[in-house]
C-alpha atoms as a PDB file:
ATOM      1  CA  MET A   1      62.384  -3.770  -4.383  1.00  0.00           C
ATOM      2  CA  HIS A   2      63.537  -7.326  -3.664  1.00  0.00           C
ATOM      3  CA  LEU A   3      62.726  -9.018  -6.961  1.00  0.00           C
ATOM      4  CA  PRO A   4      65.112 -10.763  -9.345  1.00  0.00           C
ATOM      5  CA  GLU A   5      65.557  -8.781 -12.544  1.00  0.00           C
ATOM      6  CA  PRO A   6      63.328 -11.049 -14.712  1.00  0.00           C
ATOM      7  CA  LEU A   7      60.394 -10.505 -12.347  1.00  0.00           C
ATOM      8  CA  ARG A   8      60.595  -6.727 -12.209  1.00  0.00           C
ATOM      9  CA  MET A   9      57.654  -5.218 -14.053  1.00  0.00           C
ATOM     10  CA  PRO A  10      58.859  -2.722 -16.660  1.00  0.00           C
ATOM     11  CA  ASP A  11      57.286   0.689 -17.243  1.00  0.00           C
ATOM     12  CA  GLY A  12      55.109   1.243 -20.290  1.00  0.00           C
ATOM     13  CA  ALA A  13      52.251  -0.710 -21.864  1.00  0.00           C
ATOM     14  CA  ASN A  14      54.352  -2.260 -24.658  1.00  0.00           C
ATOM     15  CA  GLN A  15      57.043  -3.426 -22.251  1.00  0.00           C
ATOM     16  CA  ALA A  16      54.467  -4.815 -19.809  1.00  0.00           C
ATOM     17  CA  GLU A  17      52.893  -6.846 -22.613  1.00  0.00           C
ATOM     18  CA  SER A  18      56.293  -8.345 -23.478  1.00  0.00           C
ATOM     19  CA  TRP A  19      56.956  -9.053 -19.795  1.00  0.00           C
ATOM     20  CA  VAL A  20      53.640 -10.921 -19.453  1.00  0.00           C
ATOM     21  CA  ALA A  21      54.346 -12.929 -22.623  1.00  0.00           C
ATOM     22  CA  ALA A  22      57.790 -13.899 -21.305  1.00  0.00           C
ATOM     23  CA  ARG A  23      56.361 -15.052 -17.956  1.00  0.00           C
ATOM     24  CA  GLN A  24      53.661 -17.076 -19.732  1.00  0.00           C
ATOM     25  CA  ALA A  25      56.304 -18.762 -21.883  1.00  0.00           C
ATOM     26  CA  GLU A  26      58.236 -19.999 -18.853  1.00  0.00           C
ATOM     27  CA  SER A  27      55.490 -20.548 -16.255  1.00  0.00           C
ATOM     28  CA  PHE A  28      51.801 -20.456 -15.447  1.00  0.00           C
ATOM     29  CA  LEU A  29      50.620 -16.887 -14.904  1.00  0.00           C
ATOM     30  CA  TYR A  30      47.359 -16.088 -13.113  1.00  0.00           C
ATOM     31  CA  ALA A  31      45.573 -12.839 -12.343  1.00  0.00           C
ATOM     32  CA  VAL A  32      44.751 -12.371  -8.659  1.00  0.00           C
ATOM     33  CA  ARG A  33      41.381 -10.684  -8.285  1.00  0.00           C
ATOM     34  CA  GLU A  34      39.623  -9.021  -5.379  1.00  0.00           C
ATOM     35  CA  ALA A  35      36.671 -11.228  -4.428  1.00  0.00           C
ATOM     36  CA  ASN A  36      33.985  -8.527  -4.222  1.00  0.00           C
ATOM     37  CA  THR A  37      34.878  -6.442  -7.264  1.00  0.00           C
ATOM     38  CA  ALA A  38      36.896  -8.852  -9.455  1.00  0.00           C
ATOM     39  CA  ALA A  39      39.474  -6.074  -9.840  1.00  0.00           C
ATOM     40  CA  ILE A  40      42.978  -7.363 -10.566  1.00  0.00           C
ATOM     41  CA  VAL A  41      45.190  -6.728  -7.527  1.00  0.00           C
ATOM     42  CA  GLY A  42      48.196  -8.813  -8.537  1.00  0.00           C
ATOM     43  CA  LEU A  43      49.673 -11.777 -10.351  1.00  0.00           C
ATOM     44  CA  MET A  44      50.601 -15.296  -9.305  1.00  0.00           C
ATOM     45  CA  ILE A  45      53.415 -17.104 -11.096  1.00  0.00           C
ATOM     46  CA  LEU A  46      53.807 -20.891 -10.821  1.00  0.00           C
ATOM     47  CA  ALA A  47      56.910 -22.382 -12.382  1.00  0.00           C
ATOM     48  CA  ASP A  48      57.586 -26.099 -12.695  1.00  0.00           C
ATOM     49  CA  THR A  49      61.285 -26.421 -11.915  1.00  0.00           C
ATOM     50  CA  SER A  50      61.304 -30.217 -11.807  1.00  0.00           C
ATOM     51  CA  GLU A  51      63.949 -30.341 -14.513  1.00  0.00           C
ATOM     52  CA  PHE A  52      66.385 -28.775 -12.029  1.00  0.00           C
ATOM     53  CA  ASP A  53      65.321 -30.850  -9.003  1.00  0.00           C
ATOM     54  CA  ALA A  54      65.139 -34.564  -8.245  1.00  0.00           C
ATOM     55  CA  THR A  55      61.416 -34.355  -7.400  1.00  0.00           C
ATOM     56  CA  VAL A  56      58.400 -32.525  -8.780  1.00  0.00           C
ATOM     57  CA  THR A  57      58.867 -28.920  -7.698  1.00  0.00           C
ATOM     58  CA  LEU A  58      56.682 -25.865  -8.150  1.00  0.00           C
ATOM     59  CA  ARG A  59      58.046 -22.400  -7.468  1.00  0.00           C
ATOM     60  CA  LEU A  60      55.552 -19.755  -6.406  1.00  0.00           C
ATOM     61  CA  GLY A  61      55.943 -16.080  -7.039  1.00  0.00           C
ATOM     62  CA  TYR A  62      53.461 -13.291  -6.674  1.00  0.00           C
ATOM     63  CA  LEU A  63      53.328  -9.600  -7.376  1.00  0.00           C
ATOM     64  CA  PHE A  64      50.791  -7.176  -5.943  1.00  0.00           C
ATOM     65  CA  GLY A  65      50.147  -3.528  -6.570  1.00  0.00           C
ATOM     66  CA  GLN A  66      51.422  -1.449  -3.671  1.00  0.00           C
ATOM     67  CA  PHE A  67      47.817  -0.486  -2.818  1.00  0.00           C
ATOM     68  CA  ALA A  68      47.158  -4.180  -2.002  1.00  0.00           C
ATOM     69  CA  TRP A  69      50.100  -4.635   0.368  1.00  0.00           C
ATOM     70  CA  GLY A  70      49.199  -5.478   3.957  1.00  0.00           C
ATOM     71  CA  HIS A  71      45.617  -6.531   3.218  1.00  0.00           C
ATOM     72  CA  GLY A  72      46.097 -10.309   3.415  1.00  0.00           C
ATOM     73  CA  TYR A  73      46.013 -11.046  -0.320  1.00  0.00           C
ATOM     74  CA  ALA A  74      49.252 -13.063  -0.252  1.00  0.00           C
ATOM     75  CA  THR A  75      48.030 -15.082   2.732  1.00  0.00           C
ATOM     76  CA  GLU A  76      44.748 -15.889   0.997  1.00  0.00           C
ATOM     77  CA  LEU A  77      46.575 -16.685  -2.236  1.00  0.00           C
ATOM     78  CA  VAL A  78      48.897 -19.221  -0.597  1.00  0.00           C
ATOM     79  CA  LYS A  79      46.089 -20.794   1.462  1.00  0.00           C
ATOM     80  CA  GLY A  80      43.935 -21.219  -1.649  1.00  0.00           C
ATOM     81  CA  LEU A  81      46.801 -22.660  -3.668  1.00  0.00           C
ATOM     82  CA  VAL A  82      47.629 -25.198  -0.946  1.00  0.00           C
ATOM     83  CA  GLN A  83      43.963 -26.237  -0.745  1.00  0.00           C
ATOM     84  CA  GLU A  84      43.808 -26.724  -4.520  1.00  0.00           C
ATOM     85  CA  LEU A  85      47.044 -28.732  -4.601  1.00  0.00           C
ATOM     86  CA  ASP A  86      45.861 -30.884  -1.673  1.00  0.00           C
ATOM     87  CA  GLN A  87      42.780 -31.862  -3.699  1.00  0.00           C
ATOM     88  CA  PHE A  88      45.100 -33.354  -6.310  1.00  0.00           C
ATOM     89  CA  GLY A  89      47.179 -35.236  -3.738  1.00  0.00           C
ATOM     90  CA  TRP A  90      50.235 -32.997  -4.113  1.00  0.00           C
ATOM     91  CA  SER A  91      52.170 -32.188  -0.975  1.00  0.00           C
ATOM     92  CA  GLY A  92      55.141 -29.952  -0.604  1.00  0.00           C
END
């Protein structure tokens, strides 16, 4: 697994709840849902790291269940995010 330690999902319901709370405290956390069923297939994490950079900077992270790998969810996620940001005049 190629994730930094803070982004690794822990085992167990209580630990997962703490992990989600920690991500929400430091970033914007969104559920990624399958369009037809609304089932959660992953998470998107957007972090504003402008305080560390000279310009407004958003960092994107995403996590998907292994069952969702290779089905284009990440591609659709990034395309949709770029479209939304474009509507607000943000360019990266």
